[in-house]
């Protein structure tokens, strides 16, 4: 499965959490820092199973774009502040079908 992390500068702890949280785990993780102007126009890859948005690290235009694309593609969104504890708690309530 593939996850997309939007926002944040250092994603290794989040990436490790995604890999360990589910049986089979997320084997691939893409990262958009949100700092580049072009990030606001990027497209969510079609094989993405989860989008994690670090809210305090993205601008409104990028957030709106990601939310609308995820809704169209029926991809679950997880909103969090830059807190691994918060992400871990929210992931525990989610389930994913292996792609």
N, C-alpha and C. Protein backbone atom coordinates (compact mmCIF):
# COMPACT_ATOMS: atom_id res chain seq x y z
N UNK A 1 0.85 -1.18 0.00
CA UNK A 1 0.00 0.00 0.00
C UNK A 1 0.89 1.24 0.00
N UNK A 2 0.33 2.32 -0.49
CA UNK A 2 1.09 3.55 -0.60
C UNK A 2 0.40 4.66 0.19
N UNK A 3 1.19 5.45 0.90
CA UNK A 3 0.67 6.59 1.65
C UNK A 3 1.32 7.86 1.11
N UNK A 4 0.61 8.96 1.27
CA UNK A 4 1.11 10.27 0.90
C UNK A 4 1.10 11.13 2.15
N UNK A 5 2.24 11.73 2.47
CA UNK A 5 2.34 12.64 3.61
C UNK A 5 2.50 14.04 3.05
N UNK A 6 1.61 14.95 3.44
CA UNK A 6 1.63 16.32 2.95
C UNK A 6 1.96 17.22 4.13
N UNK A 7 3.01 18.01 3.98
CA UNK A 7 3.46 18.88 5.05
C UNK A 7 4.60 18.22 5.80
N UNK A 8 5.14 18.91 6.76
CA UNK A 8 6.23 18.41 7.61
C UNK A 8 7.56 18.41 6.86
N UNK A 9 8.62 18.57 7.60
CA UNK A 9 9.95 18.53 7.02
C UNK A 9 10.61 17.17 7.24
N UNK A 10 10.40 16.61 8.42
CA UNK A 10 11.02 15.34 8.78
C UNK A 10 9.92 14.30 8.95
N UNK A 11 9.86 13.37 8.02
CA UNK A 11 8.74 12.42 8.02
C UNK A 11 9.14 11.02 8.43
N UNK A 12 10.39 10.77 8.74
CA UNK A 12 10.82 9.41 9.06
C UNK A 12 10.03 8.79 10.21
N UNK A 13 9.77 9.49 11.31
CA UNK A 13 8.96 8.87 12.38
C UNK A 13 7.54 8.53 11.90
N UNK A 14 6.96 9.39 11.09
CA UNK A 14 5.62 9.12 10.56
C UNK A 14 5.68 7.94 9.60
N UNK A 15 6.68 7.90 8.77
CA UNK A 15 6.85 6.79 7.81
C UNK A 15 6.99 5.47 8.55
N UNK A 16 7.81 5.44 9.60
CA UNK A 16 7.98 4.21 10.38
C UNK A 16 6.67 3.78 11.03
N UNK A 17 5.92 4.75 11.54
CA UNK A 17 4.63 4.44 12.16
C UNK A 17 3.67 3.81 11.16
N UNK A 18 3.61 4.36 9.96
CA UNK A 18 2.75 3.80 8.92
C UNK A 18 3.17 2.39 8.54
N UNK A 19 4.47 2.14 8.51
CA UNK A 19 4.97 0.82 8.15
C UNK A 19 4.66 -0.21 9.23
N UNK A 20 4.63 0.21 10.48
CA UNK A 20 4.43 -0.73 11.58
C UNK A 20 2.97 -0.85 12.02
N UNK A 21 2.11 0.08 11.70
CA UNK A 21 0.75 0.13 12.25
C UNK A 21 -0.19 -0.92 11.69
N UNK A 22 0.05 -1.40 10.51
CA UNK A 22 -0.88 -2.32 9.87
C UNK A 22 -0.14 -3.57 9.43
N UNK A 23 -0.83 -4.71 9.51
CA UNK A 23 -0.22 -5.94 9.01
C UNK A 23 0.02 -5.75 7.52
N UNK A 24 1.19 -5.99 7.08
CA UNK A 24 1.55 -5.72 5.70
C UNK A 24 2.07 -4.31 5.55
N UNK A 25 1.51 -3.39 6.31
CA UNK A 25 1.98 -2.02 6.37
C UNK A 25 1.97 -1.28 5.05
N UNK A 26 2.33 -0.05 5.14
CA UNK A 26 2.50 0.78 3.95
C UNK A 26 3.93 0.57 3.49
N UNK A 27 4.08 0.07 2.29
CA UNK A 27 5.41 -0.26 1.79
C UNK A 27 6.06 0.91 1.07
N UNK A 28 5.24 1.88 0.64
CA UNK A 28 5.77 3.05 -0.05
C UNK A 28 5.14 4.30 0.54
N UNK A 29 5.94 5.34 0.67
CA UNK A 29 5.44 6.61 1.19
C UNK A 29 5.99 7.73 0.34
N UNK A 30 5.09 8.55 -0.17
CA UNK A 30 5.49 9.75 -0.92
C UNK A 30 5.34 10.95 0.01
N UNK A 31 6.16 11.97 -0.19
CA UNK A 31 6.12 13.14 0.67
C UNK A 31 6.10 14.41 -0.16
N UNK A 32 5.14 15.28 0.15
CA UNK A 32 5.10 16.63 -0.40
C UNK A 32 5.34 17.56 0.76
N UNK A 33 6.39 18.34 0.72
CA UNK A 33 6.70 19.23 1.84
C UNK A 33 5.70 20.38 1.95
N UNK A 34 5.13 20.78 0.84
CA UNK A 34 4.21 21.91 0.85
C UNK A 34 4.92 23.25 0.75
N UNK A 35 6.23 23.22 0.68
CA UNK A 35 7.01 24.46 0.62
C UNK A 35 7.21 24.95 -0.81
N UNK A 36 7.04 24.07 -1.77
CA UNK A 36 7.23 24.45 -3.16
C UNK A 36 5.90 24.92 -3.75
N UNK A 37 5.93 25.95 -4.55
CA UNK A 37 4.71 26.48 -5.17
C UNK A 37 4.03 25.40 -6.00
N UNK A 38 4.78 24.58 -6.66
CA UNK A 38 4.22 23.52 -7.50
C UNK A 38 3.46 22.46 -6.72
N UNK A 39 3.72 22.34 -5.41
CA UNK A 39 3.01 21.35 -4.60
C UNK A 39 1.51 21.60 -4.60
N UNK A 40 1.11 22.85 -4.75
CA UNK A 40 -0.31 23.19 -4.73
C UNK A 40 -1.07 22.63 -5.93
N UNK A 41 -0.35 22.26 -6.99
CA UNK A 41 -1.00 21.76 -8.21
C UNK A 41 -0.72 20.28 -8.46
N UNK A 42 -0.03 19.62 -7.56
CA UNK A 42 0.30 18.22 -7.78
C UNK A 42 -0.93 17.34 -7.67
N UNK A 43 -0.87 16.21 -8.32
CA UNK A 43 -1.97 15.25 -8.32
C UNK A 43 -1.63 14.08 -7.40
N UNK A 44 -2.61 13.65 -6.63
CA UNK A 44 -2.43 12.48 -5.77
C UNK A 44 -2.33 11.25 -6.68
N UNK A 45 -1.28 10.45 -6.52
CA UNK A 45 -1.15 9.24 -7.35
C UNK A 45 -2.36 8.32 -7.17
N UNK A 46 -2.77 7.65 -8.23
CA UNK A 46 -3.98 6.83 -8.20
C UNK A 46 -3.86 5.62 -7.28
N UNK A 47 -2.64 5.16 -6.97
CA UNK A 47 -2.47 3.99 -6.12
C UNK A 47 -2.31 4.33 -4.64
N UNK A 48 -2.65 5.55 -4.25
CA UNK A 48 -2.52 5.99 -2.87
C UNK A 48 -3.68 5.45 -2.03
N UNK A 49 -3.36 4.88 -0.85
CA UNK A 49 -4.36 4.30 0.04
C UNK A 49 -4.69 5.20 1.22
N UNK A 50 -3.82 6.17 1.52
CA UNK A 50 -4.03 7.06 2.66
C UNK A 50 -3.27 8.36 2.42
N UNK A 51 -3.89 9.48 2.82
CA UNK A 51 -3.22 10.77 2.78
C UNK A 51 -3.16 11.29 4.21
N UNK A 52 -1.96 11.59 4.69
CA UNK A 52 -1.75 12.18 6.01
C UNK A 52 -1.38 13.64 5.79
N UNK A 53 -2.18 14.55 6.34
CA UNK A 53 -1.93 15.97 6.19
C UNK A 53 -1.48 16.53 7.54
N UNK A 54 -0.29 17.10 7.57
CA UNK A 54 0.21 17.77 8.76
C UNK A 54 -0.26 19.21 8.65
N UNK A 55 -1.36 19.52 9.34
CA UNK A 55 -2.12 20.77 9.13
C UNK A 55 -1.33 22.04 9.38
N UNK A 56 -0.48 22.05 10.38
CA UNK A 56 0.20 23.30 10.69
C UNK A 56 1.41 23.54 9.79
N UNK A 57 1.56 22.75 8.76
CA UNK A 57 2.68 22.91 7.84
C UNK A 57 2.26 23.13 6.40
N UNK A 58 0.96 23.32 6.13
CA UNK A 58 0.51 23.51 4.75
C UNK A 58 -0.34 24.77 4.65
N UNK A 59 -0.37 25.34 3.45
CA UNK A 59 -1.22 26.52 3.25
C UNK A 59 -2.62 26.10 2.83
N UNK A 60 -3.53 27.04 2.83
CA UNK A 60 -4.94 26.75 2.56
C UNK A 60 -5.18 26.22 1.15
N UNK A 61 -4.48 26.77 0.18
CA UNK A 61 -4.68 26.33 -1.20
C UNK A 61 -4.27 24.87 -1.38
N UNK A 62 -3.13 24.50 -0.81
CA UNK A 62 -2.67 23.12 -0.89
C UNK A 62 -3.63 22.19 -0.15
N UNK A 63 -4.07 22.59 1.02
CA UNK A 63 -5.00 21.78 1.80
C UNK A 63 -6.30 21.54 1.03
N UNK A 64 -6.83 22.59 0.43
CA UNK A 64 -8.07 22.47 -0.35
C UNK A 64 -7.87 21.52 -1.54
N UNK A 65 -6.77 21.67 -2.24
CA UNK A 65 -6.48 20.82 -3.39
C UNK A 65 -6.39 19.35 -2.98
N UNK A 66 -5.67 19.06 -1.92
CA UNK A 66 -5.50 17.69 -1.47
C UNK A 66 -6.84 17.11 -1.01
N UNK A 67 -7.61 17.88 -0.25
CA UNK A 67 -8.91 17.41 0.25
C UNK A 67 -9.86 17.08 -0.92
N UNK A 68 -9.94 17.96 -1.90
CA UNK A 68 -10.83 17.73 -3.03
C UNK A 68 -10.41 16.51 -3.85
N UNK A 69 -9.12 16.35 -4.08
CA UNK A 69 -8.64 15.18 -4.83
C UNK A 69 -8.92 13.89 -4.06
N UNK A 70 -8.67 13.90 -2.76
CA UNK A 70 -8.89 12.70 -1.95
C UNK A 70 -10.36 12.31 -1.94
N UNK A 71 -11.24 13.29 -1.89
CA UNK A 71 -12.67 13.01 -1.92
C UNK A 71 -13.08 12.41 -3.26
N UNK A 72 -12.57 12.96 -4.36
CA UNK A 72 -12.89 12.44 -5.68
C UNK A 72 -12.38 11.00 -5.86
N UNK A 73 -11.20 10.71 -5.30
CA UNK A 73 -10.60 9.39 -5.46
C UNK A 73 -11.01 8.43 -4.34
N UNK A 74 -11.81 8.90 -3.39
CA UNK A 74 -12.26 8.10 -2.26
C UNK A 74 -11.08 7.55 -1.45
N UNK A 75 -10.11 8.43 -1.19
CA UNK A 75 -8.93 8.08 -0.40
C UNK A 75 -9.11 8.67 1.00
N UNK A 76 -8.91 7.87 2.05
CA UNK A 76 -9.06 8.40 3.40
C UNK A 76 -8.01 9.47 3.71
N UNK A 77 -8.44 10.48 4.45
CA UNK A 77 -7.56 11.58 4.88
C UNK A 77 -7.39 11.50 6.38
N UNK A 78 -6.19 11.73 6.84
CA UNK A 78 -5.91 11.81 8.26
C UNK A 78 -5.28 13.17 8.50
N UNK A 79 -5.98 14.01 9.25
CA UNK A 79 -5.46 15.34 9.59
C UNK A 79 -4.82 15.28 10.96
N UNK A 80 -3.64 15.88 11.09
CA UNK A 80 -2.96 15.88 12.38
C UNK A 80 -2.04 17.09 12.48
N UNK A 81 -1.74 17.45 13.69
CA UNK A 81 -0.68 18.42 13.92
C UNK A 81 0.61 17.61 13.92
N UNK A 82 1.71 18.25 14.08
CA UNK A 82 2.98 17.52 14.01
C UNK A 82 3.21 16.76 15.31
N UNK A 83 2.38 15.76 15.53
CA UNK A 83 2.45 14.97 16.75
C UNK A 83 2.30 13.50 16.39
N UNK A 84 3.34 12.74 16.61
CA UNK A 84 3.29 11.32 16.30
C UNK A 84 2.27 10.60 17.18
N UNK A 85 2.11 11.06 18.41
CA UNK A 85 1.11 10.46 19.31
C UNK A 85 -0.29 10.63 18.75
N UNK A 86 -0.59 11.81 18.23
CA UNK A 86 -1.90 12.07 17.63
C UNK A 86 -2.11 11.20 16.39
N UNK A 87 -1.10 11.10 15.55
CA UNK A 87 -1.18 10.27 14.35
C UNK A 87 -1.41 8.82 14.73
N UNK A 88 -0.66 8.33 15.73
CA UNK A 88 -0.79 6.94 16.17
C UNK A 88 -2.21 6.66 16.66
N UNK A 89 -2.78 7.58 17.43
CA UNK A 89 -4.14 7.40 17.95
C UNK A 89 -5.17 7.37 16.81
N UNK A 90 -5.01 8.24 15.84
CA UNK A 90 -5.95 8.28 14.73
C UNK A 90 -5.81 7.06 13.82
N UNK A 91 -4.59 6.57 13.64
CA UNK A 91 -4.38 5.38 12.82
C UNK A 91 -4.99 4.14 13.46
N UNK A 92 -5.03 4.10 14.78
CA UNK A 92 -5.55 2.91 15.46
C UNK A 92 -7.04 2.71 15.17
N UNK A 93 -7.75 3.77 14.81
CA UNK A 93 -9.17 3.67 14.50
C UNK A 93 -9.46 3.43 13.03
N UNK A 94 -8.43 3.26 12.22
CA UNK A 94 -8.63 3.09 10.77
C UNK A 94 -8.29 1.66 10.35
N UNK A 95 -8.92 1.22 9.29
CA UNK A 95 -8.57 -0.07 8.71
C UNK A 95 -8.45 0.10 7.20
N UNK A 96 -7.59 -0.68 6.59
CA UNK A 96 -7.33 -0.55 5.16
C UNK A 96 -7.34 -1.93 4.52
N UNK A 97 -7.86 -1.98 3.33
CA UNK A 97 -7.79 -3.20 2.54
C UNK A 97 -6.50 -3.17 1.76
N UNK A 98 -5.80 -4.25 1.75
CA UNK A 98 -4.54 -4.31 1.00
C UNK A 98 -4.82 -4.13 -0.47
N UNK A 99 -3.99 -3.32 -1.10
CA UNK A 99 -4.17 -3.08 -2.53
C UNK A 99 -3.33 -4.05 -3.33
